[in-house]
N, C-alpha and C. Protein backbone atom coordinates (compact mmCIF):
# COMPACT_ATOMS: atom_id res chain seq x y z
N UNK A 1 -36.77 45.25 25.07
CA UNK A 1 -35.37 44.91 24.93
C UNK A 1 -35.21 43.67 24.07
N UNK A 2 -33.94 43.38 23.78
CA UNK A 2 -33.65 42.29 22.87
C UNK A 2 -34.05 40.94 23.42
N UNK A 3 -34.08 40.81 24.73
CA UNK A 3 -34.42 39.54 25.32
C UNK A 3 -35.87 39.17 25.16
N UNK A 4 -36.72 40.10 24.82
CA UNK A 4 -38.14 39.83 24.64
C UNK A 4 -38.37 39.22 23.28
N UNK A 5 -39.15 38.15 23.21
CA UNK A 5 -39.44 37.50 21.93
C UNK A 5 -40.54 38.28 21.22
N UNK A 6 -40.19 38.88 20.11
CA UNK A 6 -41.12 39.75 19.40
C UNK A 6 -41.52 39.12 18.08
N UNK A 7 -42.82 39.12 17.79
CA UNK A 7 -43.31 38.59 16.53
C UNK A 7 -43.21 39.70 15.49
N UNK A 8 -42.44 39.46 14.43
CA UNK A 8 -42.31 40.42 13.35
C UNK A 8 -43.12 39.90 12.17
N UNK A 9 -44.06 40.67 11.74
CA UNK A 9 -44.95 40.21 10.68
C UNK A 9 -44.30 40.39 9.32
N UNK A 10 -43.13 39.80 9.15
CA UNK A 10 -42.42 39.83 7.88
C UNK A 10 -42.23 38.38 7.44
N UNK A 11 -43.06 37.92 6.57
CA UNK A 11 -43.00 36.53 6.15
C UNK A 11 -42.02 36.36 4.99
N UNK A 12 -40.80 36.87 5.16
CA UNK A 12 -39.78 36.78 4.13
C UNK A 12 -39.16 35.40 4.16
N UNK A 13 -38.19 35.18 3.27
CA UNK A 13 -37.52 33.88 3.23
C UNK A 13 -36.28 33.88 4.10
N UNK A 14 -36.12 34.86 4.97
CA UNK A 14 -35.00 34.90 5.89
C UNK A 14 -35.30 33.98 7.06
N UNK A 15 -34.49 32.95 7.24
CA UNK A 15 -34.76 31.96 8.29
C UNK A 15 -34.31 32.44 9.66
N UNK A 16 -33.32 33.33 9.71
CA UNK A 16 -32.83 33.83 10.99
C UNK A 16 -32.05 35.12 10.76
N UNK A 17 -31.86 35.87 11.82
CA UNK A 17 -31.03 37.07 11.71
C UNK A 17 -30.39 37.35 13.07
N UNK A 18 -29.25 38.03 13.03
CA UNK A 18 -28.48 38.31 14.24
C UNK A 18 -28.86 39.66 14.84
N UNK A 19 -28.89 39.70 16.16
CA UNK A 19 -29.18 40.92 16.90
C UNK A 19 -28.21 41.00 18.09
N UNK A 20 -28.28 42.11 18.82
CA UNK A 20 -27.60 42.13 20.09
C UNK A 20 -28.64 41.89 21.19
N UNK A 21 -28.33 41.01 22.12
CA UNK A 21 -29.25 40.68 23.21
C UNK A 21 -29.10 41.65 24.37
N UNK A 22 -27.91 42.24 24.49
CA UNK A 22 -27.68 43.26 25.52
C UNK A 22 -26.96 44.44 24.90
N UNK A 23 -27.27 45.63 25.37
CA UNK A 23 -26.57 46.82 24.91
C UNK A 23 -25.14 46.81 25.44
N UNK A 24 -24.26 47.49 24.72
CA UNK A 24 -22.86 47.53 25.15
C UNK A 24 -22.27 48.92 25.05
N UNK A 25 -21.37 49.24 25.95
CA UNK A 25 -20.69 50.53 25.96
C UNK A 25 -19.18 50.29 25.87
N UNK A 26 -18.53 51.02 24.99
CA UNK A 26 -17.08 50.93 24.86
C UNK A 26 -16.47 52.31 24.78
N UNK A 27 -15.19 52.42 25.06
CA UNK A 27 -14.52 53.72 25.03
C UNK A 27 -13.07 53.55 24.63
N UNK A 28 -12.58 54.48 23.80
CA UNK A 28 -11.17 54.51 23.45
C UNK A 28 -10.67 55.95 23.53
N UNK A 29 -9.37 56.09 23.69
CA UNK A 29 -8.71 57.40 23.65
C UNK A 29 -7.74 57.40 22.49
N UNK A 30 -7.84 58.39 21.64
CA UNK A 30 -6.95 58.50 20.49
C UNK A 30 -6.40 59.92 20.42
N UNK A 31 -5.11 60.06 20.71
CA UNK A 31 -4.45 61.38 20.69
C UNK A 31 -5.26 62.41 21.48
N UNK A 32 -5.59 62.02 22.69
CA UNK A 32 -6.29 62.85 23.66
C UNK A 32 -7.77 63.07 23.36
N UNK A 33 -8.24 62.61 22.20
CA UNK A 33 -9.67 62.66 21.93
C UNK A 33 -10.33 61.44 22.55
N UNK A 34 -11.46 61.65 23.19
CA UNK A 34 -12.18 60.58 23.87
C UNK A 34 -13.38 60.16 23.03
N UNK A 35 -13.46 58.89 22.74
CA UNK A 35 -14.56 58.34 21.94
C UNK A 35 -15.37 57.38 22.81
N UNK A 36 -16.63 57.74 23.07
CA UNK A 36 -17.52 56.92 23.88
C UNK A 36 -18.57 56.32 22.94
N UNK A 37 -18.61 54.99 22.86
CA UNK A 37 -19.51 54.33 21.90
C UNK A 37 -20.53 53.47 22.62
N UNK A 38 -21.76 53.54 22.14
CA UNK A 38 -22.84 52.72 22.67
C UNK A 38 -23.51 51.94 21.56
N UNK A 39 -23.74 50.66 21.80
CA UNK A 39 -24.49 49.82 20.87
C UNK A 39 -25.84 49.52 21.50
N UNK A 40 -26.93 49.80 20.79
CA UNK A 40 -28.27 49.69 21.36
C UNK A 40 -29.18 48.88 20.44
N UNK A 41 -30.00 48.03 21.07
CA UNK A 41 -31.01 47.28 20.32
C UNK A 41 -32.19 48.19 20.03
N UNK A 42 -32.59 48.28 18.77
CA UNK A 42 -33.74 49.08 18.36
C UNK A 42 -34.56 48.27 17.35
N UNK A 43 -35.86 48.53 17.33
CA UNK A 43 -36.74 47.79 16.41
C UNK A 43 -37.39 48.68 15.36
N UNK A 44 -37.13 49.97 15.42
CA UNK A 44 -37.73 50.88 14.45
C UNK A 44 -36.86 52.12 14.30
N UNK A 45 -37.07 52.84 13.21
CA UNK A 45 -36.36 54.09 13.00
C UNK A 45 -36.70 55.09 14.09
N UNK A 46 -37.95 55.09 14.54
CA UNK A 46 -38.35 56.01 15.60
C UNK A 46 -37.57 55.73 16.89
N UNK A 47 -37.44 54.45 17.25
CA UNK A 47 -36.67 54.11 18.44
C UNK A 47 -35.22 54.55 18.30
N UNK A 48 -34.66 54.37 17.11
CA UNK A 48 -33.28 54.77 16.87
C UNK A 48 -33.12 56.28 17.02
N UNK A 49 -34.03 57.03 16.42
CA UNK A 49 -33.93 58.49 16.48
C UNK A 49 -34.12 59.00 17.91
N UNK A 50 -35.00 58.34 18.66
CA UNK A 50 -35.20 58.73 20.06
C UNK A 50 -33.95 58.48 20.89
N UNK A 51 -33.29 57.36 20.64
CA UNK A 51 -32.05 57.05 21.36
C UNK A 51 -30.94 58.01 20.98
N UNK A 52 -30.87 58.37 19.70
CA UNK A 52 -29.87 59.35 19.26
C UNK A 52 -30.09 60.68 19.97
N UNK A 53 -31.36 61.10 20.05
CA UNK A 53 -31.67 62.36 20.73
C UNK A 53 -31.30 62.28 22.21
N UNK A 54 -31.57 61.13 22.81
CA UNK A 54 -31.25 60.94 24.24
C UNK A 54 -29.75 61.02 24.50
N UNK A 55 -28.96 60.34 23.67
CA UNK A 55 -27.51 60.35 23.85
C UNK A 55 -26.93 61.72 23.54
N UNK A 56 -27.46 62.36 22.51
CA UNK A 56 -26.97 63.70 22.16
C UNK A 56 -27.24 64.69 23.28
N UNK A 57 -28.37 64.52 23.96
CA UNK A 57 -28.70 65.39 25.10
C UNK A 57 -27.79 65.08 26.28
N UNK A 58 -27.52 63.78 26.50
CA UNK A 58 -26.65 63.38 27.60
C UNK A 58 -25.25 63.96 27.42
N UNK A 59 -24.74 63.87 26.18
CA UNK A 59 -23.40 64.39 25.89
C UNK A 59 -23.51 65.69 25.09
N UNK A 60 -24.29 66.61 25.61
CA UNK A 60 -24.57 67.86 24.91
C UNK A 60 -23.31 68.70 24.68
N UNK A 61 -22.30 68.52 25.55
CA UNK A 61 -21.09 69.32 25.46
C UNK A 61 -20.02 68.68 24.58
N UNK A 62 -20.33 67.53 23.97
CA UNK A 62 -19.36 66.88 23.09
C UNK A 62 -19.36 67.55 21.72
N UNK A 63 -18.24 67.42 21.04
CA UNK A 63 -18.13 68.07 19.73
C UNK A 63 -18.93 67.31 18.66
N UNK A 64 -18.98 65.98 18.78
CA UNK A 64 -19.68 65.19 17.76
C UNK A 64 -20.39 64.00 18.40
N UNK A 65 -21.58 63.69 17.88
CA UNK A 65 -22.31 62.46 18.21
C UNK A 65 -22.64 61.79 16.87
N UNK A 66 -21.76 60.91 16.44
CA UNK A 66 -21.90 60.28 15.12
C UNK A 66 -22.53 58.90 15.30
N UNK A 67 -23.25 58.44 14.28
CA UNK A 67 -23.98 57.19 14.47
C UNK A 67 -24.25 56.47 13.16
N UNK A 68 -24.70 55.23 13.31
CA UNK A 68 -25.22 54.45 12.19
C UNK A 68 -26.19 53.43 12.76
N UNK A 69 -27.22 53.11 11.99
CA UNK A 69 -28.12 52.04 12.42
C UNK A 69 -28.58 51.22 11.22
N UNK A 70 -28.92 49.98 11.54
CA UNK A 70 -29.46 49.03 10.56
C UNK A 70 -30.68 48.40 11.20
N UNK A 71 -31.82 48.42 10.49
CA UNK A 71 -33.08 47.93 11.05
C UNK A 71 -33.80 47.08 10.00
N UNK A 72 -34.42 46.02 10.46
CA UNK A 72 -35.26 45.20 9.59
C UNK A 72 -34.73 43.80 9.40
N UNK A 73 -35.64 42.85 9.21
CA UNK A 73 -35.26 41.46 8.98
C UNK A 73 -34.32 41.35 7.80
N UNK A 74 -34.58 42.13 6.76
CA UNK A 74 -33.73 42.11 5.56
C UNK A 74 -32.72 43.26 5.57
N UNK A 75 -32.54 43.89 6.75
CA UNK A 75 -31.59 45.00 6.90
C UNK A 75 -31.91 46.12 5.90
N UNK A 76 -33.21 46.36 5.69
CA UNK A 76 -33.63 47.28 4.65
C UNK A 76 -33.57 48.75 5.05
N UNK A 77 -33.47 49.05 6.34
CA UNK A 77 -33.48 50.44 6.79
C UNK A 77 -32.12 50.78 7.40
N UNK A 78 -31.33 51.54 6.69
CA UNK A 78 -30.00 51.92 7.18
C UNK A 78 -29.81 53.43 7.09
N UNK A 79 -29.02 53.94 8.02
CA UNK A 79 -28.72 55.36 8.02
C UNK A 79 -27.42 55.59 8.79
N UNK A 80 -26.65 56.58 8.37
CA UNK A 80 -25.46 56.94 9.12
C UNK A 80 -25.25 58.45 9.04
N UNK A 81 -24.55 58.98 10.04
CA UNK A 81 -24.32 60.42 10.10
C UNK A 81 -22.91 60.70 10.63
N UNK A 82 -22.23 61.66 9.97
CA UNK A 82 -20.91 62.11 10.42
C UNK A 82 -21.02 63.21 11.47
N UNK A 83 -22.19 63.81 11.61
CA UNK A 83 -22.45 64.82 12.62
C UNK A 83 -21.33 65.86 12.75
N UNK A 84 -20.94 66.40 11.60
CA UNK A 84 -19.95 67.47 11.61
C UNK A 84 -18.52 67.03 11.35
N UNK A 85 -18.24 65.75 11.45
CA UNK A 85 -16.91 65.26 11.09
C UNK A 85 -16.78 65.28 9.56
N UNK A 86 -15.56 65.28 9.04
CA UNK A 86 -15.38 65.23 7.58
C UNK A 86 -16.15 64.07 6.96
N UNK A 87 -16.73 64.31 5.80
CA UNK A 87 -17.61 63.33 5.15
C UNK A 87 -16.94 61.96 5.02
N UNK A 88 -17.64 60.94 5.48
CA UNK A 88 -17.18 59.57 5.32
C UNK A 88 -16.21 59.09 6.38
N UNK A 89 -15.92 59.92 7.39
CA UNK A 89 -14.91 59.53 8.38
C UNK A 89 -15.50 58.95 9.67
N UNK A 90 -16.82 59.02 9.85
CA UNK A 90 -17.41 58.60 11.12
C UNK A 90 -18.61 57.67 10.91
N UNK A 91 -19.69 58.20 10.33
CA UNK A 91 -20.89 57.41 10.15
C UNK A 91 -20.67 56.17 9.31
N UNK A 92 -19.96 56.31 8.21
CA UNK A 92 -19.73 55.16 7.32
C UNK A 92 -18.88 54.09 7.99
N UNK A 93 -17.79 54.43 8.66
CA UNK A 93 -17.03 53.38 9.36
C UNK A 93 -17.85 52.66 10.43
N UNK A 94 -18.69 53.40 11.14
CA UNK A 94 -19.56 52.76 12.14
C UNK A 94 -20.52 51.79 11.45
N UNK A 95 -21.11 52.23 10.33
CA UNK A 95 -22.03 51.38 9.59
C UNK A 95 -21.33 50.12 9.08
N UNK A 96 -20.08 50.26 8.66
CA UNK A 96 -19.34 49.11 8.15
C UNK A 96 -19.04 48.09 9.25
N UNK A 97 -18.88 48.56 10.47
CA UNK A 97 -18.71 47.64 11.60
C UNK A 97 -19.98 46.81 11.78
N UNK A 98 -21.13 47.49 11.69
CA UNK A 98 -22.42 46.80 11.85
C UNK A 98 -22.64 45.79 10.73
N UNK A 99 -22.49 46.24 9.50
CA UNK A 99 -22.74 45.34 8.36
C UNK A 99 -21.73 44.21 8.31
N UNK A 100 -20.51 44.49 8.71
CA UNK A 100 -19.49 43.45 8.74
C UNK A 100 -19.81 42.35 9.73
N UNK A 101 -20.50 42.72 10.81
CA UNK A 101 -20.89 41.74 11.83
C UNK A 101 -22.19 41.03 11.46
N UNK A 102 -22.88 41.53 10.42
CA UNK A 102 -24.12 40.90 9.98
C UNK A 102 -25.27 41.04 10.95
N UNK A 103 -25.28 42.13 11.70
CA UNK A 103 -26.30 42.34 12.73
C UNK A 103 -27.35 43.34 12.25
N UNK A 104 -28.58 43.16 12.67
CA UNK A 104 -29.63 44.12 12.37
C UNK A 104 -30.34 44.54 13.65
N UNK A 105 -31.25 45.50 13.52
CA UNK A 105 -31.95 46.09 14.66
C UNK A 105 -30.96 46.62 15.69
N UNK A 106 -30.01 47.39 15.20
CA UNK A 106 -28.95 47.90 16.05
C UNK A 106 -28.61 49.34 15.70
N UNK A 107 -28.35 50.11 16.71
CA UNK A 107 -27.84 51.48 16.58
C UNK A 107 -26.51 51.56 17.32
N UNK A 108 -25.49 52.10 16.66
CA UNK A 108 -24.24 52.41 17.34
C UNK A 108 -24.01 53.90 17.22
N UNK A 109 -23.85 54.56 18.35
CA UNK A 109 -23.59 55.99 18.35
C UNK A 109 -22.28 56.23 19.08
N UNK A 110 -21.42 57.03 18.47
CA UNK A 110 -20.10 57.31 19.03
C UNK A 110 -19.98 58.81 19.32
N UNK A 111 -19.75 59.12 20.57
CA UNK A 111 -19.58 60.50 21.02
C UNK A 111 -18.09 60.83 21.09
N UNK A 112 -17.70 61.97 20.52
CA UNK A 112 -16.30 62.36 20.55
C UNK A 112 -16.11 63.67 21.30
N UNK A 113 -15.21 63.60 22.28
CA UNK A 113 -14.74 64.80 22.95
C UNK A 113 -13.36 65.12 22.38
N UNK A 114 -13.27 66.22 21.68
CA UNK A 114 -12.03 66.60 20.97
C UNK A 114 -10.91 66.90 21.97
N UNK A 115 -9.75 66.30 21.70
CA UNK A 115 -8.63 66.46 22.62
C UNK A 115 -7.61 67.50 22.23
N UNK A 116 -7.90 68.23 21.12
CA UNK A 116 -7.00 69.31 20.73
C UNK A 116 -5.99 68.94 19.66
N UNK A 117 -5.93 67.65 19.30
CA UNK A 117 -4.99 67.20 18.26
C UNK A 117 -5.79 66.65 17.09
N UNK A 118 -5.54 67.20 15.90
CA UNK A 118 -6.24 66.72 14.71
C UNK A 118 -5.79 65.30 14.36
N UNK A 119 -6.74 64.46 14.00
CA UNK A 119 -6.43 63.06 13.69
C UNK A 119 -6.26 62.80 12.20
N UNK A 120 -6.76 63.71 11.37
CA UNK A 120 -6.74 63.46 9.93
C UNK A 120 -7.84 62.48 9.55
N UNK A 121 -8.14 62.41 8.27
CA UNK A 121 -9.24 61.55 7.83
C UNK A 121 -8.99 60.08 8.14
N UNK A 122 -7.77 59.63 7.88
CA UNK A 122 -7.45 58.22 8.16
C UNK A 122 -7.53 57.91 9.64
N UNK A 123 -7.04 58.83 10.45
CA UNK A 123 -7.08 58.64 11.90
C UNK A 123 -8.49 58.62 12.44
N UNK A 124 -9.36 59.46 11.88
CA UNK A 124 -10.76 59.49 12.30
C UNK A 124 -11.46 58.17 11.94
N UNK A 125 -11.22 57.69 10.74
CA UNK A 125 -11.84 56.42 10.32
C UNK A 125 -11.42 55.29 11.26
N UNK A 126 -10.13 55.24 11.57
CA UNK A 126 -9.64 54.18 12.46
C UNK A 126 -10.23 54.32 13.86
N UNK A 127 -10.32 55.54 14.34
CA UNK A 127 -10.83 55.77 15.70
C UNK A 127 -12.30 55.42 15.81
N UNK A 128 -13.12 55.87 14.85
CA UNK A 128 -14.55 55.57 14.91
C UNK A 128 -14.81 54.08 14.71
N UNK A 129 -14.00 53.45 13.87
CA UNK A 129 -14.12 52.00 13.68
C UNK A 129 -13.81 51.27 14.98
N UNK A 130 -12.71 51.64 15.62
CA UNK A 130 -12.30 50.98 16.85
C UNK A 130 -13.32 51.20 17.97
N UNK A 131 -13.88 52.41 18.05
CA UNK A 131 -14.87 52.70 19.08
C UNK A 131 -16.14 51.87 18.87
N UNK A 132 -16.60 51.81 17.62
CA UNK A 132 -17.79 51.01 17.31
C UNK A 132 -17.55 49.54 17.62
N UNK A 133 -16.36 49.05 17.30
CA UNK A 133 -16.03 47.65 17.59
C UNK A 133 -16.00 47.39 19.10
N UNK A 134 -15.53 48.39 19.86
CA UNK A 134 -15.49 48.24 21.31
C UNK A 134 -16.89 48.12 21.90
N UNK A 135 -17.82 48.92 21.37
CA UNK A 135 -19.21 48.85 21.84
C UNK A 135 -19.83 47.51 21.49
N UNK A 136 -19.56 47.05 20.27
CA UNK A 136 -20.11 45.77 19.83
C UNK A 136 -19.54 44.61 20.64
N UNK A 137 -18.25 44.69 20.97
CA UNK A 137 -17.60 43.64 21.76
C UNK A 137 -18.18 43.57 23.17
N UNK A 138 -18.68 44.70 23.66
CA UNK A 138 -19.28 44.74 25.00
C UNK A 138 -20.73 44.26 25.01
N UNK A 139 -21.28 43.99 23.84
CA UNK A 139 -22.67 43.52 23.72
C UNK A 139 -22.69 42.00 23.58
N UNK A 140 -23.82 41.42 23.96
CA UNK A 140 -24.02 39.99 23.75
C UNK A 140 -24.82 39.82 22.46
N UNK A 141 -24.26 39.04 21.56
CA UNK A 141 -24.90 38.84 20.26
C UNK A 141 -25.76 37.58 20.30
N UNK A 142 -26.96 37.69 19.77
CA UNK A 142 -27.88 36.55 19.74
C UNK A 142 -28.50 36.40 18.36
N UNK A 143 -29.52 35.60 18.28
CA UNK A 143 -30.15 35.29 17.00
C UNK A 143 -31.64 35.12 17.17
N UNK A 144 -32.40 35.62 16.24
CA UNK A 144 -33.83 35.35 16.18
C UNK A 144 -34.08 34.42 15.00
N UNK A 145 -34.89 33.40 15.24
CA UNK A 145 -35.12 32.36 14.25
C UNK A 145 -36.60 32.32 13.87
N UNK A 146 -36.87 32.17 12.58
CA UNK A 146 -38.25 32.08 12.11
C UNK A 146 -38.82 30.74 12.57
N UNK A 147 -39.81 30.79 13.43
CA UNK A 147 -40.32 29.57 14.05
C UNK A 147 -41.77 29.72 14.46
N UNK A 148 -42.33 28.62 14.98
CA UNK A 148 -43.72 28.63 15.44
C UNK A 148 -43.75 28.40 16.95
N UNK A 149 -44.62 29.14 17.63
CA UNK A 149 -44.80 28.94 19.06
C UNK A 149 -45.77 27.78 19.30
N UNK A 150 -45.39 26.91 20.21
CA UNK A 150 -46.25 25.80 20.61
C UNK A 150 -46.47 25.89 22.12
N UNK A 151 -47.70 25.65 22.55
CA UNK A 151 -48.01 25.57 23.97
C UNK A 151 -48.30 24.12 24.30
N UNK A 152 -47.57 23.58 25.26
CA UNK A 152 -47.72 22.19 25.67
C UNK A 152 -48.50 22.14 26.98
N UNK A 153 -49.55 21.34 27.03
CA UNK A 153 -50.34 21.17 28.26
C UNK A 153 -50.24 19.71 28.69
N UNK A 154 -49.71 19.50 29.90
CA UNK A 154 -49.54 18.13 30.40
C UNK A 154 -49.87 18.07 31.88
N UNK A 155 -50.08 16.86 32.37
CA UNK A 155 -50.26 16.65 33.80
C UNK A 155 -48.92 16.71 34.50
N UNK A 156 -48.95 16.88 35.80
CA UNK A 156 -47.71 17.00 36.57
C UNK A 156 -46.85 15.73 36.47
N UNK A 157 -47.47 14.60 36.23
CA UNK A 157 -46.72 13.35 36.13
C UNK A 157 -45.90 13.26 34.85
N UNK A 158 -46.13 14.20 33.90
CA UNK A 158 -45.42 14.17 32.62
C UNK A 158 -44.32 15.22 32.53
N UNK A 159 -44.14 16.00 33.58
CA UNK A 159 -43.18 17.10 33.52
C UNK A 159 -41.78 16.62 33.17
N UNK A 160 -41.30 15.60 33.89
CA UNK A 160 -39.93 15.14 33.68
C UNK A 160 -39.71 14.63 32.26
N UNK A 161 -40.70 13.92 31.74
CA UNK A 161 -40.58 13.40 30.39
C UNK A 161 -40.52 14.50 29.35
N UNK A 162 -41.37 15.51 29.50
CA UNK A 162 -41.38 16.64 28.56
C UNK A 162 -40.06 17.40 28.64
N UNK A 163 -39.62 17.70 29.85
CA UNK A 163 -38.38 18.45 30.01
C UNK A 163 -37.19 17.67 29.46
N UNK A 164 -37.18 16.36 29.65
CA UNK A 164 -36.10 15.53 29.12
C UNK A 164 -36.09 15.58 27.59
N UNK A 165 -37.27 15.44 26.99
CA UNK A 165 -37.36 15.46 25.52
C UNK A 165 -36.87 16.81 24.98
N UNK A 166 -37.32 17.89 25.59
CA UNK A 166 -36.92 19.22 25.13
C UNK A 166 -35.42 19.42 25.29
N UNK A 167 -34.87 18.97 26.39
CA UNK A 167 -33.42 19.10 26.62
C UNK A 167 -32.63 18.31 25.58
N UNK A 168 -33.08 17.09 25.31
CA UNK A 168 -32.38 16.25 24.33
C UNK A 168 -32.42 16.83 22.93
N UNK A 169 -33.45 17.59 22.64
CA UNK A 169 -33.60 18.19 21.31
C UNK A 169 -33.22 19.67 21.29
N UNK A 170 -32.60 20.11 22.37
CA UNK A 170 -32.09 21.48 22.48
C UNK A 170 -33.18 22.52 22.20
N UNK A 171 -34.35 22.29 22.79
CA UNK A 171 -35.47 23.22 22.67
C UNK A 171 -35.67 23.90 24.02
N UNK A 172 -35.53 25.21 24.04
CA UNK A 172 -35.67 25.95 25.28
C UNK A 172 -37.13 26.23 25.63
N UNK A 173 -37.41 26.35 26.91
CA UNK A 173 -38.75 26.70 27.38
C UNK A 173 -38.82 28.21 27.54
N UNK A 174 -39.70 28.86 26.80
CA UNK A 174 -39.85 30.31 26.85
C UNK A 174 -40.59 30.75 28.10
N UNK A 175 -41.63 29.99 28.46
CA UNK A 175 -42.44 30.35 29.62
C UNK A 175 -43.09 29.09 30.15
N UNK A 176 -43.38 29.07 31.44
CA UNK A 176 -44.05 27.92 32.04
C UNK A 176 -45.09 28.41 33.04
N UNK A 177 -46.19 27.66 33.15
CA UNK A 177 -47.28 28.01 34.06
C UNK A 177 -47.74 26.74 34.77
N UNK A 178 -47.79 26.81 36.08
CA UNK A 178 -48.19 25.64 36.88
C UNK A 178 -49.55 25.93 37.50
N UNK A 179 -50.58 25.33 36.90
CA UNK A 179 -51.95 25.55 37.36
C UNK A 179 -52.60 24.19 37.58
N UNK A 180 -53.81 24.00 37.08
CA UNK A 180 -54.45 22.69 37.20
C UNK A 180 -53.63 21.65 36.43
N UNK A 181 -53.08 22.11 35.30
CA UNK A 181 -52.11 21.32 34.56
C UNK A 181 -50.85 22.17 34.41
N UNK A 182 -49.88 21.66 33.71
CA UNK A 182 -48.64 22.41 33.48
C UNK A 182 -48.59 22.82 32.02
N UNK A 183 -48.23 24.07 31.77
CA UNK A 183 -48.15 24.58 30.41
C UNK A 183 -46.75 25.11 30.14
N UNK A 184 -46.18 24.66 29.04
CA UNK A 184 -44.87 25.12 28.59
C UNK A 184 -45.03 25.78 27.22
N UNK A 185 -44.44 26.96 27.06
CA UNK A 185 -44.39 27.61 25.75
C UNK A 185 -43.00 27.38 25.17
N UNK A 186 -42.97 26.87 23.94
CA UNK A 186 -41.71 26.63 23.26
C UNK A 186 -41.79 27.19 21.84
N UNK A 187 -40.65 27.37 21.22
CA UNK A 187 -40.59 27.79 19.82
C UNK A 187 -39.81 26.75 19.03
N UNK A 188 -40.35 26.40 17.87
CA UNK A 188 -39.75 25.35 17.05
C UNK A 188 -39.71 25.84 15.60
N UNK A 189 -38.62 25.54 14.91
CA UNK A 189 -38.55 25.86 13.49
C UNK A 189 -39.74 25.24 12.77
N UNK A 190 -40.31 25.98 11.85
CA UNK A 190 -41.54 25.53 11.19
C UNK A 190 -41.38 24.15 10.56
N UNK A 191 -40.22 23.89 9.99
CA UNK A 191 -40.02 22.59 9.32
C UNK A 191 -39.89 21.44 10.32
N UNK A 192 -39.68 21.77 11.62
CA UNK A 192 -39.53 20.73 12.64
C UNK A 192 -40.79 20.51 13.47
N UNK A 193 -41.84 21.29 13.22
CA UNK A 193 -43.04 21.25 14.06
C UNK A 193 -43.65 19.85 14.11
N UNK A 194 -43.88 19.24 12.97
CA UNK A 194 -44.52 17.92 12.94
C UNK A 194 -43.69 16.89 13.68
N UNK A 195 -42.38 16.94 13.49
CA UNK A 195 -41.48 15.99 14.14
C UNK A 195 -41.53 16.15 15.66
N UNK A 196 -41.52 17.39 16.13
CA UNK A 196 -41.55 17.65 17.57
C UNK A 196 -42.89 17.23 18.17
N UNK A 197 -43.98 17.55 17.47
CA UNK A 197 -45.30 17.15 17.97
C UNK A 197 -45.39 15.63 18.09
N UNK A 198 -44.91 14.93 17.07
CA UNK A 198 -44.95 13.46 17.10
C UNK A 198 -44.08 12.93 18.24
N UNK A 199 -42.90 13.53 18.41
CA UNK A 199 -41.98 13.07 19.44
C UNK A 199 -42.53 13.27 20.84
N UNK A 200 -43.12 14.44 21.09
CA UNK A 200 -43.69 14.72 22.40
C UNK A 200 -44.92 13.85 22.68
N UNK A 201 -45.73 13.65 21.65
CA UNK A 201 -46.92 12.81 21.80
C UNK A 201 -46.53 11.38 22.17
N UNK A 202 -45.49 10.88 21.51
CA UNK A 202 -45.00 9.53 21.80
C UNK A 202 -44.40 9.47 23.20
N UNK A 203 -43.62 10.50 23.56
CA UNK A 203 -42.96 10.52 24.87
C UNK A 203 -43.99 10.53 26.01
N UNK A 204 -45.09 11.23 25.77
CA UNK A 204 -46.14 11.35 26.80
C UNK A 204 -47.25 10.32 26.64
N UNK A 205 -47.04 9.40 25.72
CA UNK A 205 -48.03 8.35 25.46
C UNK A 205 -49.41 8.93 25.20
N UNK A 206 -49.43 10.04 24.46
CA UNK A 206 -50.68 10.68 24.07
C UNK A 206 -51.30 11.57 25.12
N UNK A 207 -50.70 11.61 26.31
CA UNK A 207 -51.26 12.41 27.40
C UNK A 207 -50.71 13.84 27.38
N UNK A 208 -50.87 14.49 26.25
CA UNK A 208 -50.39 15.86 26.09
C UNK A 208 -51.26 16.58 25.07
N UNK A 209 -51.51 17.84 25.33
CA UNK A 209 -52.23 18.68 24.38
C UNK A 209 -51.24 19.72 23.85
N UNK A 210 -51.16 19.83 22.54
CA UNK A 210 -50.20 20.75 21.92
C UNK A 210 -50.98 21.74 21.06
N UNK A 211 -50.86 23.02 21.41
CA UNK A 211 -51.58 24.08 20.71
C UNK A 211 -50.60 24.88 19.85
N UNK A 212 -50.90 24.96 18.57
CA UNK A 212 -50.05 25.75 17.67
C UNK A 212 -50.37 27.24 17.83
N UNK A 213 -49.32 28.04 17.96
CA UNK A 213 -49.49 29.47 18.11
C UNK A 213 -48.95 30.25 16.94
N UNK A 214 -48.49 31.46 17.21
CA UNK A 214 -48.02 32.36 16.17
C UNK A 214 -46.76 31.87 15.49
N UNK A 215 -46.61 32.31 14.26
CA UNK A 215 -45.37 32.11 13.50
C UNK A 215 -44.69 33.46 13.41
N UNK A 216 -43.40 33.48 13.66
CA UNK A 216 -42.66 34.74 13.60
C UNK A 216 -41.21 34.53 13.95
N UNK A 217 -40.53 35.63 14.26
CA UNK A 217 -39.12 35.55 14.65
C UNK A 217 -39.02 35.62 16.16
N UNK A 218 -38.44 34.59 16.74
CA UNK A 218 -38.34 34.49 18.19
C UNK A 218 -36.89 34.27 18.60
C-alpha cells in the first residue's frame, strides 16, 4: 500500500512526486445513471491491470467499467479506456483529473450503471470527470521525496535529545527498535544529510552512531 516506504531505483532528477496514501471511493448519480468511482494506489502496470480485472468482475453486471492510470516517477506510463462509451467521453476525462492533480502511481476506475436516459457526449464527460474527482477527494494525498535512509544508534539516555532534535527539524521516525541500544530509522533529503549528521552528533555529544542506508523515494 501507499503507506509503505518503497525504494524506487529511478535515479532521475525528480526530487518528489505526489501519490495517494489511501484509496478512495466516490459515487454520483446523473440522470438515473449511477457512477461508482475508485481511486487506487498502484506501482506497476500489472497491478493496475489486476485491479481493473478485479473491479470489472465485482461489477460484472454494469454497462461500463472505464478507467485511467498514471504510473512512474516521471509519470511515463499512462493508459485510459472508454470501455464501450463514445470515444473520448470517459477514459480521457478520468485521465485529465489525474494529470490535473499531478499524481502518479494511481488508477481511477469508474463503473457506470445505465439509468435509461442518454447523457450525450458532453454529459458523459462531465459525469465521468465528477465521479473521478469524487474518488480522488475521498483519498488522502501524500508525497514521496528523494532521500537517504539513516539509522541512528544511541543509548537510552540520549532518546529525549534525539527525539527533540528530530521534532525541531520536522524529521519523522520511520521505525524504532529498543534493544541493547535504541535504533531510529529516519529519511533525510540527500542535500541535508551532512547537516543532520552534524546536528545529531553535536546534540548527542558524539555518543551516537549514524549508518547511511539506501537512497530512494520514501
